[in-house]
Amino acid sequence: MHVKIVDVDNQSSNDLLGEIYLDWRICLLNPGKWAIDKVFHLEGLNRHRSLKDLYLLNGSPATRLGEIYFKVRFLTHGSKDDKDPGFLK
């Protein structure tokens, strides 16, 4: 699964912040279980920006685009979604 993270606002055009690729097949092999439960580093760049142009709030250069947390599970047809997803490990 390809996931794109986009900054959508009225201030400027939509900016691609990064993307990740999830191999969600592990969820199919483990139905009902939280098979994906981790932080992913964002990959890719907006075609108009490069990492050397990105700075943190404290003024130091960015070493990566950012992170995003995903927790994913697959439920078979008719399964009840009654489990609390919990928090980041």
PDB file of N, CA and C in Angstrom:
ATOM      1  N   MET A   1       0.839  -1.150   0.000  1.00  0.00           N
ATOM      2  CA  MET A   1       0.000   0.000   0.000  1.00  0.00           C
ATOM      3  C   MET A   1       0.901   1.234   0.000  1.00  0.00           C
ATOM      4  N   HIS A   2       0.591   2.149  -0.862  1.00  0.00           N
ATOM      5  CA  HIS A   2       1.355   3.386  -0.985  1.00  0.00           C
ATOM      6  C   HIS A   2       0.546   4.495  -0.319  1.00  0.00           C
ATOM      7  N   VAL A   3       1.127   5.158   0.682  1.00  0.00           N
ATOM      8  CA  VAL A   3       0.443   6.218   1.424  1.00  0.00           C
ATOM      9  C   VAL A   3       1.198   7.523   1.209  1.00  0.00           C
ATOM     10  N   LYS A   4       0.482   8.540   0.720  1.00  0.00           N
ATOM     11  CA  LYS A   4       1.076   9.870   0.535  1.00  0.00           C
ATOM     12  C   LYS A   4       0.564  10.794   1.621  1.00  0.00           C
ATOM     13  N   ILE A   5       1.464  11.562   2.226  1.00  0.00           N
ATOM     14  CA  ILE A   5       1.128  12.531   3.259  1.00  0.00           C
ATOM     15  C   ILE A   5       1.195  13.909   2.616  1.00  0.00           C
ATOM     16  N   VAL A   6       0.048  14.616   2.590  1.00  0.00           N
ATOM     17  CA  VAL A   6      -0.048  15.888   1.887  1.00  0.00           C
ATOM     18  C   VAL A   6      -0.541  16.967   2.840  1.00  0.00           C
ATOM     19  N   ASP A   7       0.093  18.124   2.790  1.00  0.00           N
ATOM     20  CA  ASP A   7      -0.348  19.300   3.541  1.00  0.00           C
ATOM     21  C   ASP A   7      -1.345  20.048   2.667  1.00  0.00           C
ATOM     22  N   VAL A   8      -2.625  20.009   3.079  1.00  0.00           N
ATOM     23  CA  VAL A   8      -3.685  20.674   2.324  1.00  0.00           C
ATOM     24  C   VAL A   8      -4.173  21.860   3.136  1.00  0.00           C
ATOM     25  N   ASP A   9      -4.021  23.050   2.571  1.00  0.00           N
ATOM     26  CA  ASP A   9      -4.513  24.244   3.259  1.00  0.00           C
ATOM     27  C   ASP A   9      -4.854  25.315   2.224  1.00  0.00           C
ATOM     28  N   ASN A  10      -5.416  26.415   2.693  1.00  0.00           N
ATOM     29  CA  ASN A  10      -5.800  27.510   1.805  1.00  0.00           C
ATOM     30  C   ASN A  10      -4.673  28.500   1.590  1.00  0.00           C
ATOM     31  N   GLN A  11      -3.561  28.324   2.282  1.00  0.00           N
ATOM     32  CA  GLN A  11      -2.443  29.259   2.211  1.00  0.00           C
ATOM     33  C   GLN A  11      -1.618  29.104   0.935  1.00  0.00           C
ATOM     34  N   SER A  12      -1.501  27.871   0.468  1.00  0.00           N
ATOM     35  CA  SER A  12      -0.656  27.608  -0.702  1.00  0.00           C
ATOM     36  C   SER A  12      -1.146  26.341  -1.387  1.00  0.00           C
ATOM     37  N   SER A  13      -0.452  25.947  -2.426  1.00  0.00           N
ATOM     38  CA  SER A  13      -0.814  24.712  -3.107  1.00  0.00           C
ATOM     39  C   SER A  13      -0.547  23.519  -2.183  1.00  0.00           C
ATOM     40  N   ASN A  14      -1.163  22.413  -2.472  1.00  0.00           N
ATOM     41  CA  ASN A  14      -0.964  21.211  -1.667  1.00  0.00           C
ATOM     42  C   ASN A  14       0.484  20.753  -1.766  1.00  0.00           C
ATOM     43  N   ASP A  15       1.094  20.516  -0.605  1.00  0.00           N
ATOM     44  CA  ASP A  15       2.498  20.132  -0.555  1.00  0.00           C
ATOM     45  C   ASP A  15       2.628  18.675  -0.144  1.00  0.00           C
ATOM     46  N   LEU A  16       3.343  17.893  -0.946  1.00  0.00           N
ATOM     47  CA  LEU A  16       3.653  16.515  -0.578  1.00  0.00           C
ATOM     48  C   LEU A  16       4.717  16.548   0.505  1.00  0.00           C
ATOM     49  N   LEU A  17       4.363  16.049   1.693  1.00  0.00           N
ATOM     50  CA  LEU A  17       5.302  16.036   2.812  1.00  0.00           C
ATOM     51  C   LEU A  17       6.169  14.795   2.808  1.00  0.00           C
ATOM     52  N   GLY A  18       5.675  13.753   2.197  1.00  0.00           N
ATOM     53  CA  GLY A  18       6.417  12.507   2.141  1.00  0.00           C
ATOM     54  C   GLY A  18       5.481  11.361   1.838  1.00  0.00           C
ATOM     55  N   GLU A  19       6.022  10.186   1.768  1.00  0.00           N
ATOM     56  CA  GLU A  19       5.220   9.003   1.479  1.00  0.00           C
ATOM     57  C   GLU A  19       5.865   7.785   2.118  1.00  0.00           C
ATOM     58  N   ILE A  20       5.057   6.757   2.282  1.00  0.00           N
ATOM     59  CA  ILE A  20       5.568   5.486   2.797  1.00  0.00           C
ATOM     60  C   ILE A  20       4.922   4.352   2.019  1.00  0.00           C
ATOM     61  N   TYR A  21       5.522   3.203   2.107  1.00  0.00           N
ATOM     62  CA  TYR A  21       4.986   1.998   1.504  1.00  0.00           C
ATOM     63  C   TYR A  21       4.759   0.991   2.620  1.00  0.00           C
ATOM     64  N   LEU A  22       3.504   0.549   2.774  1.00  0.00           N
ATOM     65  CA  LEU A  22       3.141  -0.442   3.793  1.00  0.00           C
ATOM     66  C   LEU A  22       2.954  -1.795   3.121  1.00  0.00           C
ATOM     67  N   ASP A  23       3.634  -2.803   3.619  1.00  0.00           N
ATOM     68  CA  ASP A  23       3.397  -4.164   3.137  1.00  0.00           C
ATOM     69  C   ASP A  23       2.295  -4.751   4.009  1.00  0.00           C
ATOM     70  N   TRP A  24       1.050  -4.503   3.618  1.00  0.00           N
ATOM     71  CA  TRP A  24      -0.093  -4.890   4.446  1.00  0.00           C
ATOM     72  C   TRP A  24      -0.461  -6.366   4.310  1.00  0.00           C
ATOM     73  N   ARG A  25       0.288  -7.107   3.476  1.00  0.00           N
ATOM     74  CA  ARG A  25      -0.003  -8.544   3.340  1.00  0.00           C
ATOM     75  C   ARG A  25       0.166  -9.272   4.666  1.00  0.00           C
ATOM     76  N   ILE A  26       1.034  -8.757   5.536  1.00  0.00           N
ATOM     77  CA  ILE A  26       1.210  -9.380   6.851  1.00  0.00           C
ATOM     78  C   ILE A  26      -0.094  -9.330   7.650  1.00  0.00           C
ATOM     79  N   CYS A  27      -0.924  -8.315   7.382  1.00  0.00           N
ATOM     80  CA  CYS A  27      -2.224  -8.217   8.058  1.00  0.00           C
ATOM     81  C   CYS A  27      -3.158  -9.341   7.599  1.00  0.00           C
ATOM     82  N   LEU A  28      -3.101  -9.672   6.319  1.00  0.00           N
ATOM     83  CA  LEU A  28      -3.929 -10.758   5.794  1.00  0.00           C
ATOM     84  C   LEU A  28      -3.537 -12.102   6.397  1.00  0.00           C
ATOM     85  N   LEU A  29      -2.254 -12.262   6.680  1.00  0.00           N
ATOM     86  CA  LEU A  29      -1.762 -13.513   7.250  1.00  0.00           C
ATOM     87  C   LEU A  29      -2.050 -13.626   8.745  1.00  0.00           C
ATOM     88  N   ASN A  30      -2.403 -12.507   9.382  1.00  0.00           N
ATOM     89  CA  ASN A  30      -2.674 -12.464  10.826  1.00  0.00           C
ATOM     90  C   ASN A  30      -3.989 -11.739  11.105  1.00  0.00           C
ATOM     91  N   PRO A  31      -5.125 -12.261  10.604  1.00  0.00           N
ATOM     92  CA  PRO A  31      -6.397 -11.552  10.773  1.00  0.00           C
ATOM     93  C   PRO A  31      -6.745 -11.337  12.251  1.00  0.00           C
ATOM     94  N   GLY A  32      -7.258 -10.139  12.538  1.00  0.00           N
ATOM     95  CA  GLY A  32      -7.664  -9.810  13.900  1.00  0.00           C
ATOM     96  C   GLY A  32      -6.547  -9.311  14.793  1.00  0.00           C
ATOM     97  N   LYS A  33      -5.305  -9.380  14.328  1.00  0.00           N
ATOM     98  CA  LYS A  33      -4.157  -8.942  15.138  1.00  0.00           C
ATOM     99  C   LYS A  33      -3.601  -7.643  14.563  1.00  0.00           C
ATOM    100  N   TRP A  34      -3.056  -6.820  15.441  1.00  0.00           N
ATOM    101  CA  TRP A  34      -2.404  -5.587  14.997  1.00  0.00           C
ATOM    102  C   TRP A  34      -1.052  -5.975  14.402  1.00  0.00           C
ATOM    103  N   ALA A  35      -1.046  -6.277  13.117  1.00  0.00           N
ATOM    104  CA  ALA A  35       0.156  -6.776  12.459  1.00  0.00           C
ATOM    105  C   ALA A  35       1.149  -5.656  12.143  1.00  0.00           C
ATOM    106  N   ILE A  36       0.652  -4.454  11.954  1.00  0.00           N
ATOM    107  CA  ILE A  36       1.519  -3.289  11.738  1.00  0.00           C
ATOM    108  C   ILE A  36       1.284  -2.339  12.895  1.00  0.00           C
ATOM    109  N   ASP A  37       2.342  -1.994  13.597  1.00  0.00           N
ATOM    110  CA  ASP A  37       2.247  -1.137  14.781  1.00  0.00           C
ATOM    111  C   ASP A  37       3.602  -0.464  14.975  1.00  0.00           C
ATOM    112  N   LYS A  38       3.858   0.569  14.153  1.00  0.00           N
ATOM    113  CA  LYS A  38       5.185   1.172  14.226  1.00  0.00           C
ATOM    114  C   LYS A  38       5.208   2.573  13.630  1.00  0.00           C
ATOM    115  N   VAL A  39       6.314   3.236  13.864  1.00  0.00           N
ATOM    116  CA  VAL A  39       6.586   4.553  13.300  1.00  0.00           C
ATOM    117  C   VAL A  39       7.384   4.364  12.017  1.00  0.00           C
ATOM    118  N   PHE A  40       6.973   5.043  10.964  1.00  0.00           N
ATOM    119  CA  PHE A  40       7.656   4.981   9.679  1.00  0.00           C
ATOM    120  C   PHE A  40       8.306   6.331   9.391  1.00  0.00           C
ATOM    121  N   HIS A  41       9.490   6.317   8.809  1.00  0.00           N
ATOM    122  CA  HIS A  41      10.141   7.537   8.350  1.00  0.00           C
ATOM    123  C   HIS A  41       9.586   7.877   6.972  1.00  0.00           C
ATOM    124  N   LEU A  42       9.181   9.119   6.784  1.00  0.00           N
ATOM    125  CA  LEU A  42       8.662   9.549   5.494  1.00  0.00           C
ATOM    126  C   LEU A  42       9.768   9.530   4.449  1.00  0.00           C
ATOM    127  N   GLU A  43       9.406   9.121   3.247  1.00  0.00           N
ATOM    128  CA  GLU A  43      10.338   9.052   2.130  1.00  0.00           C
ATOM    129  C   GLU A  43       9.874  10.006   1.044  1.00  0.00           C
ATOM    130  N   GLY A  44      10.754  10.282   0.094  1.00  0.00           N
ATOM    131  CA  GLY A  44      10.399  11.105  -1.057  1.00  0.00           C
ATOM    132  C   GLY A  44      10.339  12.576  -0.709  1.00  0.00           C
ATOM    133  N   LEU A  45      10.382  13.393  -1.706  1.00  0.00           N
ATOM    134  CA  LEU A  45      10.338  14.841  -1.519  1.00  0.00           C
ATOM    135  C   LEU A  45       9.406  15.470  -2.528  1.00  0.00           C
ATOM    136  N   ASN A  46       8.894  16.613  -2.174  1.00  0.00           N
ATOM    137  CA  ASN A  46       8.174  17.425  -3.130  1.00  0.00           C
ATOM    138  C   ASN A  46       9.158  17.764  -4.248  1.00  0.00           C
ATOM    139  N   ARG A  47       8.723  17.734  -5.468  1.00  0.00           N
ATOM    140  CA  ARG A  47       9.647  17.964  -6.589  1.00  0.00           C
ATOM    141  C   ARG A  47      10.268  19.358  -6.575  1.00  0.00           C
ATOM    142  N   HIS A  48       9.705  20.299  -5.814  1.00  0.00           N
ATOM    143  CA  HIS A  48      10.231  21.657  -5.759  1.00  0.00           C
ATOM    144  C   HIS A  48      11.111  21.893  -4.534  1.00  0.00           C
ATOM    145  N   ARG A  49      11.272  20.880  -3.702  1.00  0.00           N
ATOM    146  CA  ARG A  49      12.074  21.043  -2.488  1.00  0.00           C
ATOM    147  C   ARG A  49      13.080  19.914  -2.402  1.00  0.00           C
ATOM    148  N   SER A  50      14.111  20.155  -1.664  1.00  0.00           N
ATOM    149  CA  SER A  50      15.051  19.091  -1.358  1.00  0.00           C
ATOM    150  C   SER A  50      15.348  19.159   0.134  1.00  0.00           C
ATOM    151  N   LEU A  51      15.891  18.105   0.660  1.00  0.00           N
ATOM    152  CA  LEU A  51      16.145  18.037   2.098  1.00  0.00           C
ATOM    153  C   LEU A  51      17.056  19.169   2.563  1.00  0.00           C
ATOM    154  N   LYS A  52      17.969  19.608   1.723  1.00  0.00           N
ATOM    155  CA  LYS A  52      18.884  20.687   2.117  1.00  0.00           C
ATOM    156  C   LYS A  52      18.144  22.010   2.323  1.00  0.00           C
ATOM    157  N   ASP A  53      16.905  22.125   1.816  1.00  0.00           N
ATOM    158  CA  ASP A  53      16.118  23.351   1.981  1.00  0.00           C
ATOM    159  C   ASP A  53      15.223  23.312   3.219  1.00  0.00           C
ATOM    160  N   LEU A  54      15.206  22.201   3.940  1.00  0.00           N
ATOM    161  CA  LEU A  54      14.319  22.056   5.086  1.00  0.00           C
ATOM    162  C   LEU A  54      15.073  22.289   6.389  1.00  0.00           C
ATOM    163  N   TYR A  55      14.458  23.061   7.278  1.00  0.00           N
ATOM    164  CA  TYR A  55      15.070  23.367   8.567  1.00  0.00           C
ATOM    165  C   TYR A  55      14.066  23.142   9.687  1.00  0.00           C
ATOM    166  N   LEU A  56      14.566  22.747  10.834  1.00  0.00           N
ATOM    167  CA  LEU A  56      13.732  22.585  12.014  1.00  0.00           C
ATOM    168  C   LEU A  56      13.436  23.956  12.615  1.00  0.00           C
ATOM    169  N   LEU A  57      12.494  23.996  13.559  1.00  0.00           N
ATOM    170  CA  LEU A  57      12.127  25.271  14.184  1.00  0.00           C
ATOM    171  C   LEU A  57      13.297  25.940  14.886  1.00  0.00           C
ATOM    172  N   ASN A  58      14.252  25.145  15.370  1.00  0.00           N
ATOM    173  CA  ASN A  58      15.412  25.735  16.052  1.00  0.00           C
ATOM    174  C   ASN A  58      16.497  26.199  15.078  1.00  0.00           C
ATOM    175  N   GLY A  59      16.228  26.081  13.774  1.00  0.00           N
ATOM    176  CA  GLY A  59      17.167  26.563  12.770  1.00  0.00           C
ATOM    177  C   GLY A  59      18.166  25.540  12.269  1.00  0.00           C
ATOM    178  N   SER A  60      18.229  24.372  12.906  1.00  0.00           N
ATOM    179  CA  SER A  60      19.170  23.349  12.446  1.00  0.00           C
ATOM    180  C   SER A  60      18.606  22.624  11.217  1.00  0.00           C
ATOM    181  N   PRO A  61      19.470  22.143  10.334  1.00  0.00           N
ATOM    182  CA  PRO A  61      18.999  21.461   9.130  1.00  0.00           C
ATOM    183  C   PRO A  61      18.301  20.143   9.460  1.00  0.00           C
ATOM    184  N   ALA A  62      17.285  19.831   8.691  1.00  0.00           N
ATOM    185  CA  ALA A  62      16.549  18.576   8.871  1.00  0.00           C
ATOM    186  C   ALA A  62      17.382  17.418   8.333  1.00  0.00           C
ATOM    187  N   THR A  63      17.326  16.295   9.016  1.00  0.00           N
ATOM    188  CA  THR A  63      18.047  15.106   8.548  1.00  0.00           C
ATOM    189  C   THR A  63      17.102  14.085   7.929  1.00  0.00           C
ATOM    190  N   ARG A  64      15.804  14.305   8.096  1.00  0.00           N
ATOM    191  CA  ARG A  64      14.802  13.461   7.445  1.00  0.00           C
ATOM    192  C   ARG A  64      13.509  14.266   7.332  1.00  0.00           C
ATOM    193  N   LEU A  65      12.577  13.744   6.576  1.00  0.00           N
ATOM    194  CA  LEU A  65      11.343  14.472   6.285  1.00  0.00           C
ATOM    195  C   LEU A  65      10.345  14.459   7.433  1.00  0.00           C
ATOM    196  N   GLY A  66      10.407  13.469   8.262  1.00  0.00           N
ATOM    197  CA  GLY A  66       9.469  13.348   9.370  1.00  0.00           C
ATOM    198  C   GLY A  66       9.079  11.901   9.569  1.00  0.00           C
ATOM    199  N   GLU A  67       8.110  11.702  10.445  1.00  0.00           N
ATOM    200  CA  GLU A  67       7.656  10.352  10.778  1.00  0.00           C
ATOM    201  C   GLU A  67       6.140  10.335  10.853  1.00  0.00           C
ATOM    202  N   ILE A  68       5.591   9.145  10.689  1.00  0.00           N
ATOM    203  CA  ILE A  68       4.155   8.949  10.858  1.00  0.00           C
ATOM    204  C   ILE A  68       3.940   7.572  11.475  1.00  0.00           C
ATOM    205  N   TYR A  69       2.940   7.488  12.349  1.00  0.00           N
ATOM    206  CA  TYR A  69       2.645   6.238  13.056  1.00  0.00           C
ATOM    207  C   TYR A  69       1.436   5.566  12.425  1.00  0.00           C
ATOM    208  N   PHE A  70       1.540   4.266  12.156  1.00  0.00           N
ATOM    209  CA  PHE A  70       0.427   3.471  11.646  1.00  0.00           C
ATOM    210  C   PHE A  70       0.227   2.243  12.519  1.00  0.00           C
ATOM    211  N   LYS A  71      -1.029   1.962  12.780  1.00  0.00           N
ATOM    212  CA  LYS A  71      -1.421   0.736  13.475  1.00  0.00           C
ATOM    213  C   LYS A  71      -2.534   0.124  12.622  1.00  0.00           C
ATOM    214  N   VAL A  72      -2.277  -1.077  12.066  1.00  0.00           N
ATOM    215  CA  VAL A  72      -3.176  -1.661  11.069  1.00  0.00           C
ATOM    216  C   VAL A  72      -3.459  -3.111  11.404  1.00  0.00           C
ATOM    217  N   ARG A  73      -4.715  -3.504  11.198  1.00  0.00           N
ATOM    218  CA  ARG A  73      -5.076  -4.923  11.281  1.00  0.00           C
ATOM    219  C   ARG A  73      -6.162  -5.218  10.264  1.00  0.00           C
ATOM    220  N   PHE A  74      -6.313  -6.464   9.917  1.00  0.00           N
ATOM    221  CA  PHE A  74      -7.302  -6.921   8.956  1.00  0.00           C
ATOM    222  C   PHE A  74      -8.366  -7.707   9.703  1.00  0.00           C
ATOM    223  N   LEU A  75      -9.638  -7.352   9.459  1.00  0.00           N
ATOM    224  CA  LEU A  75     -10.753  -8.079  10.045  1.00  0.00           C
ATOM    225  C   LEU A  75     -11.481  -8.832   8.943  1.00  0.00           C
ATOM    226  N   THR A  76     -11.736 -10.100   9.159  1.00  0.00           N
ATOM    227  CA  THR A  76     -12.467 -10.883   8.179  1.00  0.00           C
ATOM    228  C   THR A  76     -13.941 -10.478   8.192  1.00  0.00           C
ATOM    229  N   HIS A  77     -14.654 -10.789   7.124  1.00  0.00           N
ATOM    230  CA  HIS A  77     -16.073 -10.442   6.990  1.00  0.00           C
ATOM    231  C   HIS A  77     -16.867 -10.962   8.187  1.00  0.00           C
ATOM    232  N   GLY A  78     -17.631 -10.094   8.793  1.00  0.00           N
ATOM    233  CA  GLY A  78     -18.452 -10.480   9.935  1.00  0.00           C
ATOM    234  C   GLY A  78     -17.755 -10.368  11.279  1.00  0.00           C
ATOM    235  N   SER A  79     -16.475 -10.057  11.282  1.00  0.00           N
ATOM    236  CA  SER A  79     -15.745  -9.911  12.542  1.00  0.00           C
ATOM    237  C   SER A  79     -16.166  -8.631  13.246  1.00  0.00           C
ATOM    238  N   LYS A  80     -16.194  -8.689  14.565  1.00  0.00           N
ATOM    239  CA  LYS A  80     -16.541  -7.523  15.357  1.00  0.00           C
ATOM    240  C   LYS A  80     -15.265  -6.773  15.736  1.00  0.00           C
ATOM    241  N   ASP A  81     -15.277  -5.462  15.517  1.00  0.00           N
ATOM    242  CA  ASP A  81     -14.120  -4.630  15.846  1.00  0.00           C
ATOM    243  C   ASP A  81     -14.309  -4.111  17.262  1.00  0.00           C
ATOM    244  N   ASP A  82     -13.962  -4.939  18.235  1.00  0.00           N
ATOM    245  CA  ASP A  82     -14.211  -4.575  19.632  1.00  0.00           C
ATOM    246  C   ASP A  82     -12.944  -4.431  20.462  1.00  0.00           C
ATOM    247  N   LYS A  83     -11.793  -4.507  19.818  1.00  0.00           N
ATOM    248  CA  LYS A  83     -10.534  -4.414  20.560  1.00  0.00           C
ATOM    249  C   LYS A  83     -10.066  -2.963  20.606  1.00  0.00           C
ATOM    250  N   ASP A  84      -9.623  -2.540  21.766  1.00  0.00           N
ATOM    251  CA  ASP A  84      -9.040  -1.216  21.934  1.00  0.00           C
ATOM    252  C   ASP A  84      -7.692  -1.216  21.219  1.00  0.00           C
ATOM    253  N   PRO A  85      -7.455  -0.266  20.321  1.00  0.00           N
ATOM    254  CA  PRO A  85      -6.172  -0.283  19.609  1.00  0.00           C
ATOM    255  C   PRO A  85      -4.970  -0.004  20.492  1.00  0.00           C
ATOM    256  N   GLY A  86      -5.183   0.568  21.681  1.00  0.00           N
ATOM    257  CA  GLY A  86      -4.061   0.840  22.556  1.00  0.00           C
ATOM    258  C   GLY A  86      -3.211   1.980  22.060  1.00  0.00           C
ATOM    259  N   PHE A  87      -2.042   2.107  22.641  1.00  0.00           N
ATOM    260  CA  PHE A  87      -1.146   3.201  22.305  1.00  0.00           C
ATOM    261  C   PHE A  87       0.107   2.681  21.650  1.00  0.00           C
ATOM    262  N   LEU A  88       0.890   3.601  21.136  1.00  0.00           N
ATOM    263  CA  LEU A  88       2.173   3.291  20.539  1.00  0.00           C
ATOM    264  C   LEU A  88       3.048   2.529  21.513  1.00  0.00           C
ATOM    265  N   LYS A  89       3.654   1.461  21.030  1.00  0.00           N
ATOM    266  CA  LYS A  89       4.531   0.643  21.868  1.00  0.00           C
ATOM    267  C   LYS A  89       5.756   1.419  22.265  1.00  0.00           C
TER     268      LYS A  89
END
